[in-house]
């Protein structure tokens, strides 16, 4: 949709049909330029902040392009195309973030789900935006509304990104370095920060991978037992709980005897 609408917008603004490929080239070229520094930023600050900023860039670019179309001025639209491309290069890295959320043997599936969502969105795009174009196909101002609508979708994208409670980069780091904190993060996603041992192990196995889970949990469980924030159940049908007030293992033993 971006390639098609940006092409039409650019041609109507400039009046030069020979420049059909300029707008898509600006978008795709900018995306290519932003991908590498965005990837480095993800490694440094986490996946989700970069993805959110990508949605913001795309939204700002869409607004500028809409303004250019509304006032039939090419300059804001061209700047908008470049900014959209910069944001798109960042948002496309969601597939890398998705791979962090899956164990190695299931990473291709995670990336595939993201790509499926992207293709599904591209298929639905014409059905959503076509009613916004109207009957005027000769003036760029008629294309302002679809660009502003696209900016609204980007705002929705930013809002949805906050549903990812733990950054995928952080998940990968916790798996490798801090099992107890990973368990705390997992428990806090449940009502009352509590879940049965069976359910917790099923969830963790999906994150770690079935093949590696037993070995990882044999070591990780010891770290969890020592963490004063976590109540460890004696039976699998009982619940792991994040305590409101941390209690050391020694104090817990004393409480049981008292």
Protein backbone atom coordinates (compact mmCIF):
# COMPACT_ATOMS: atom_id res chain seq x y z
CA UNK A 1 0.00 0.00 0.00
CA UNK A 2 2.79 2.45 0.86
CA UNK A 3 4.50 1.85 -2.49
CA UNK A 4 1.29 2.31 -4.48
CA UNK A 5 -0.09 5.33 -2.62
CA UNK A 6 3.30 7.06 -2.35
CA UNK A 7 3.77 6.65 -6.11
CA UNK A 8 0.36 8.13 -6.86
CA UNK A 9 0.89 10.95 -4.38
CA UNK A 10 4.29 11.87 -5.81
CA UNK A 11 3.07 11.87 -9.42
CA UNK A 12 0.03 14.03 -8.60
CA UNK A 13 2.19 16.48 -6.65
CA UNK A 14 4.92 16.82 -9.27
CA UNK A 15 2.89 16.18 -12.42
CA UNK A 16 5.77 14.12 -13.83
CA UNK A 17 4.75 10.54 -14.70
CA UNK A 18 8.33 9.65 -15.56
CA UNK A 19 9.20 9.77 -11.84
CA UNK A 20 6.88 6.92 -10.85
CA UNK A 21 9.60 5.02 -9.01
CA UNK A 22 11.03 7.91 -6.98
CA UNK A 23 8.64 7.72 -4.00
CA UNK A 24 9.02 3.94 -3.42
CA UNK A 25 12.78 4.33 -3.86
CA UNK A 26 12.86 7.01 -1.15
CA UNK A 27 10.85 4.81 1.24
CA UNK A 28 12.79 1.59 0.59
CA UNK A 29 16.17 3.33 0.46
CA UNK A 30 15.56 5.05 3.78
CA UNK A 31 14.43 1.74 5.31
CA UNK A 32 17.65 0.09 4.17
CA UNK A 33 19.75 2.91 5.64
CA UNK A 34 18.01 2.76 9.01
CA UNK A 35 18.01 -1.03 9.44
CA UNK A 36 21.66 -1.43 10.51
CA UNK A 37 21.82 1.41 13.07
CA UNK A 38 18.39 0.34 14.35
CA UNK A 39 19.72 -3.18 14.87
CA UNK A 40 22.68 -1.83 16.82
CA UNK A 41 20.33 0.31 18.91
CA UNK A 42 18.25 -2.80 19.67
CA UNK A 43 21.33 -4.58 21.00
CA UNK A 44 22.10 -1.63 23.24
CA UNK A 45 18.70 -0.45 24.51
CA UNK A 46 16.36 -3.37 23.84
CA UNK A 47 13.99 -4.40 21.08
CA UNK A 48 10.75 -2.64 21.97
CA UNK A 49 12.04 0.95 22.38
CA UNK A 50 13.41 0.83 18.84
CA UNK A 51 10.23 -0.73 17.44
CA UNK A 52 8.09 1.90 19.18
CA UNK A 53 10.26 4.69 17.80
CA UNK A 54 9.81 3.13 14.36
CA UNK A 55 6.03 3.42 14.68
CA UNK A 56 6.47 7.05 15.77
CA UNK A 57 8.68 7.80 12.76
CA UNK A 58 6.14 6.21 10.42
CA UNK A 59 3.31 8.21 12.02
CA UNK A 60 5.19 11.51 11.73
CA UNK A 61 6.12 10.70 8.12
CA UNK A 62 2.51 9.88 7.25
CA UNK A 63 1.32 13.17 8.78
CA UNK A 64 3.91 15.17 6.82
CA UNK A 65 2.96 13.38 3.61
CA UNK A 66 -0.72 14.03 4.34
CA UNK A 67 0.04 17.72 4.86
CA UNK A 68 1.96 17.81 1.59
CA UNK A 69 -0.93 16.14 -0.21
CA UNK A 70 -3.54 18.42 1.38
CA UNK A 71 -1.70 21.60 0.40
CA UNK A 72 -0.40 20.05 -2.85
CA UNK A 73 3.20 20.71 -1.87
CA UNK A 74 5.87 18.17 -2.84
CA UNK A 75 8.50 19.16 -0.23
CA UNK A 76 6.66 17.96 2.93
CA UNK A 77 5.61 14.79 1.12
CA UNK A 78 9.19 13.95 0.09
CA UNK A 79 10.42 14.49 3.66
CA UNK A 80 7.51 12.34 4.81
CA UNK A 81 8.50 9.50 2.46
CA UNK A 82 12.03 9.51 3.87
CA UNK A 83 10.81 9.51 7.49
CA UNK A 84 8.34 6.71 6.74
CA UNK A 85 11.20 4.68 5.30
CA UNK A 86 13.39 5.28 8.35
CA UNK A 87 10.56 4.11 10.62
CA UNK A 88 9.72 1.15 8.41
CA UNK A 89 13.30 -0.09 8.64
CA UNK A 90 12.93 -0.17 12.42
CA UNK A 91 9.48 -1.76 12.50
CA UNK A 92 10.59 -4.54 10.15
CA UNK A 93 13.02 -5.66 12.85
CA UNK A 94 10.05 -7.03 14.81
CA UNK A 95 10.91 -10.39 13.28
CA UNK A 96 14.27 -10.24 15.08
CA UNK A 97 12.49 -9.40 18.33
CA UNK A 98 10.12 -12.32 17.76
CA UNK A 99 13.05 -14.71 17.40
CA UNK A 100 14.25 -13.77 20.90
CA UNK A 101 10.92 -14.89 22.34
CA UNK A 102 11.23 -18.45 21.03
CA UNK A 103 13.69 -21.26 21.79
CA UNK A 104 16.17 -21.97 18.94
CA UNK A 105 14.22 -24.90 17.54
CA UNK A 106 11.06 -22.75 17.22
CA UNK A 107 12.52 -19.41 16.13
CA UNK A 108 11.65 -19.90 12.47
CA UNK A 109 8.03 -20.37 13.53
CA UNK A 110 8.11 -17.11 15.50
CA UNK A 111 9.54 -15.17 12.58
CA UNK A 112 7.00 -16.84 10.30
CA UNK A 113 4.12 -15.65 12.48
CA UNK A 114 5.36 -12.06 12.25
CA UNK A 115 5.71 -12.30 8.48
CA UNK A 116 2.26 -13.87 8.20
CA UNK A 117 0.82 -10.93 10.13
CA UNK A 118 2.61 -8.50 7.81
CA UNK A 119 1.31 -10.20 4.66
CA UNK A 120 -2.20 -10.50 6.11
CA UNK A 121 -2.13 -6.77 6.87
CA UNK A 122 -0.98 -6.00 3.34
CA UNK A 123 -3.88 -8.04 1.93
CA UNK A 124 -6.42 -6.23 4.14
CA UNK A 125 -4.90 -2.81 3.40
CA UNK A 126 -6.80 -2.11 0.17
CA UNK A 127 -10.13 -3.03 1.79
CA UNK A 128 -9.47 -0.59 4.64
CA UNK A 129 -8.04 2.33 2.66
CA UNK A 130 -9.92 2.19 -0.65
CA UNK A 131 -13.10 3.78 0.82
CA UNK A 132 -10.93 6.69 2.02
CA UNK A 133 -9.72 7.69 -1.44
CA UNK A 134 -12.99 9.10 -2.71
CA UNK A 135 -13.79 9.67 -6.38
CA UNK A 136 -11.24 12.42 -7.04
CA UNK A 137 -8.21 10.81 -8.71
CA UNK A 138 -6.76 13.96 -10.26
CA UNK A 139 -5.79 16.00 -7.19
CA UNK A 140 -3.25 15.07 -4.55
CA UNK A 141 -5.41 16.64 -1.85
CA UNK A 142 -7.78 13.68 -2.19
CA UNK A 143 -4.99 11.45 -0.83
CA UNK A 144 -4.51 13.40 2.41
CA UNK A 145 -7.14 11.41 4.32
CA UNK A 146 -5.52 7.98 3.72
CA UNK A 147 -2.17 9.33 4.92
CA UNK A 148 -3.70 10.75 8.08
CA UNK A 149 -5.50 7.43 8.63
CA UNK A 150 -2.16 5.65 8.27
CA UNK A 151 -0.77 7.89 11.03
CA UNK A 152 -3.66 6.78 13.27
CA UNK A 153 -2.74 3.14 12.62
CA UNK A 154 0.83 3.92 13.67
CA UNK A 155 -0.44 5.35 16.96
CA UNK A 156 -2.33 2.08 17.46
CA UNK A 157 0.90 0.22 16.74
CA UNK A 158 2.72 2.14 19.48
CA UNK A 159 -0.10 1.37 21.93
CA UNK A 160 -0.07 -2.34 21.07
CA UNK A 161 3.70 -2.52 21.47
CA UNK A 162 3.29 -1.74 25.16
CA UNK A 163 1.43 -5.05 25.52
CA UNK A 164 4.86 -6.70 25.32
CA UNK A 165 5.53 -6.53 29.06
CA UNK A 166 9.06 -7.94 28.99
CA UNK A 167 11.43 -6.84 26.25
CA UNK A 168 12.46 -9.82 24.07
CA UNK A 169 16.13 -8.89 24.52
CA UNK A 170 15.66 -8.99 28.27
CA UNK A 171 14.02 -12.43 28.03
CA UNK A 172 17.08 -13.80 26.23
CA UNK A 173 19.40 -12.26 28.83
CA UNK A 174 17.37 -13.60 31.77
CA UNK A 175 17.33 -17.11 30.33
CA UNK A 176 21.11 -17.07 30.14
CA UNK A 177 22.02 -15.13 33.27
CA UNK A 178 19.18 -14.74 35.79
CA UNK A 179 16.63 -17.59 36.02
CA UNK A 180 15.12 -16.26 39.26
CA UNK A 181 14.27 -12.89 37.71
CA UNK A 182 12.78 -14.67 34.69
CA UNK A 183 10.49 -16.60 37.03
CA UNK A 184 9.50 -13.37 38.79
CA UNK A 185 8.68 -11.73 35.45
CA UNK A 186 6.64 -14.80 34.43
CA UNK A 187 4.73 -14.92 37.72
CA UNK A 188 3.87 -11.22 37.57
CA UNK A 189 2.04 -11.85 34.31
CA UNK A 190 -0.46 -14.07 36.18
CA UNK A 191 -3.34 -12.90 38.41
CA UNK A 192 -2.12 -12.36 41.98
CA UNK A 193 1.43 -13.10 40.76
CA UNK A 194 0.87 -16.80 41.40
CA UNK A 195 0.67 -19.97 39.32
CA UNK A 196 0.97 -23.69 39.96
CA UNK A 197 4.36 -25.34 39.57
CA UNK A 198 3.01 -27.42 36.69
CA UNK A 199 1.78 -24.39 34.74
CA UNK A 200 4.98 -22.46 35.40
CA UNK A 201 7.15 -25.29 34.12
CA UNK A 202 5.02 -25.62 30.98
CA UNK A 203 5.40 -21.87 30.31
CA UNK A 204 9.14 -21.89 30.93
CA UNK A 205 9.60 -24.97 28.74
CA UNK A 206 7.96 -23.09 25.86
CA UNK A 207 10.42 -20.21 26.33
CA UNK A 208 13.56 -22.29 26.90
CA UNK A 209 12.74 -25.16 24.57
CA UNK A 210 11.68 -28.69 25.47
CA UNK A 211 15.13 -30.19 24.77
CA UNK A 212 17.02 -27.76 27.01
CA UNK A 213 14.45 -27.12 29.70
CA UNK A 214 15.22 -29.99 32.10
CA UNK A 215 18.93 -29.17 32.29
CA UNK A 216 18.24 -25.42 32.56
CA UNK A 217 15.56 -25.89 35.24
CA UNK A 218 17.78 -28.19 37.31
CA UNK A 219 20.16 -25.25 37.74
CA UNK A 220 17.58 -22.47 37.65
CA UNK A 221 15.35 -24.02 40.30
CA UNK A 222 18.17 -23.74 42.85
CA UNK A 223 18.49 -20.03 42.12
CA UNK A 224 14.73 -19.60 42.41
CA UNK A 225 14.69 -21.39 45.79
CA UNK A 226 17.29 -18.95 47.12
CA UNK A 227 15.44 -15.85 45.92
CA UNK A 228 13.62 -14.21 48.87
CA UNK A 229 10.97 -12.75 46.55
CA UNK A 230 9.63 -16.15 45.49
CA UNK A 231 7.62 -18.64 47.52
CA UNK A 232 8.51 -22.13 46.26
CA UNK A 233 5.77 -24.76 46.71
CA UNK A 234 6.45 -28.21 48.09
CA UNK A 235 4.10 -29.90 45.61
CA UNK A 236 3.59 -29.34 41.89
CA UNK A 237 -0.13 -28.73 42.36
CA UNK A 238 0.69 -25.81 44.68
CA UNK A 239 1.64 -22.32 43.56
CA UNK A 240 4.80 -20.35 43.04
CA UNK A 241 4.07 -16.86 44.36
CA UNK A 242 5.84 -13.51 44.20
CA UNK A 243 5.86 -12.31 47.80
CA UNK A 244 4.82 -8.78 48.67
CA UNK A 245 7.64 -8.76 51.24
CA UNK A 246 10.78 -10.80 50.50
CA UNK A 247 11.49 -13.61 52.97
CA UNK A 248 14.83 -15.39 53.12
CA UNK A 249 14.98 -19.20 53.05
CA UNK A 250 16.24 -19.22 56.65
CA UNK A 251 13.31 -17.09 57.86
CA UNK A 252 10.86 -19.30 56.00
CA UNK A 253 12.23 -22.41 57.73
CA UNK A 254 11.98 -20.69 61.11
CA UNK A 255 8.37 -19.73 60.42
CA UNK A 256 7.51 -23.35 59.63
CA UNK A 257 8.98 -24.54 62.95
CA UNK A 258 7.29 -21.78 64.91
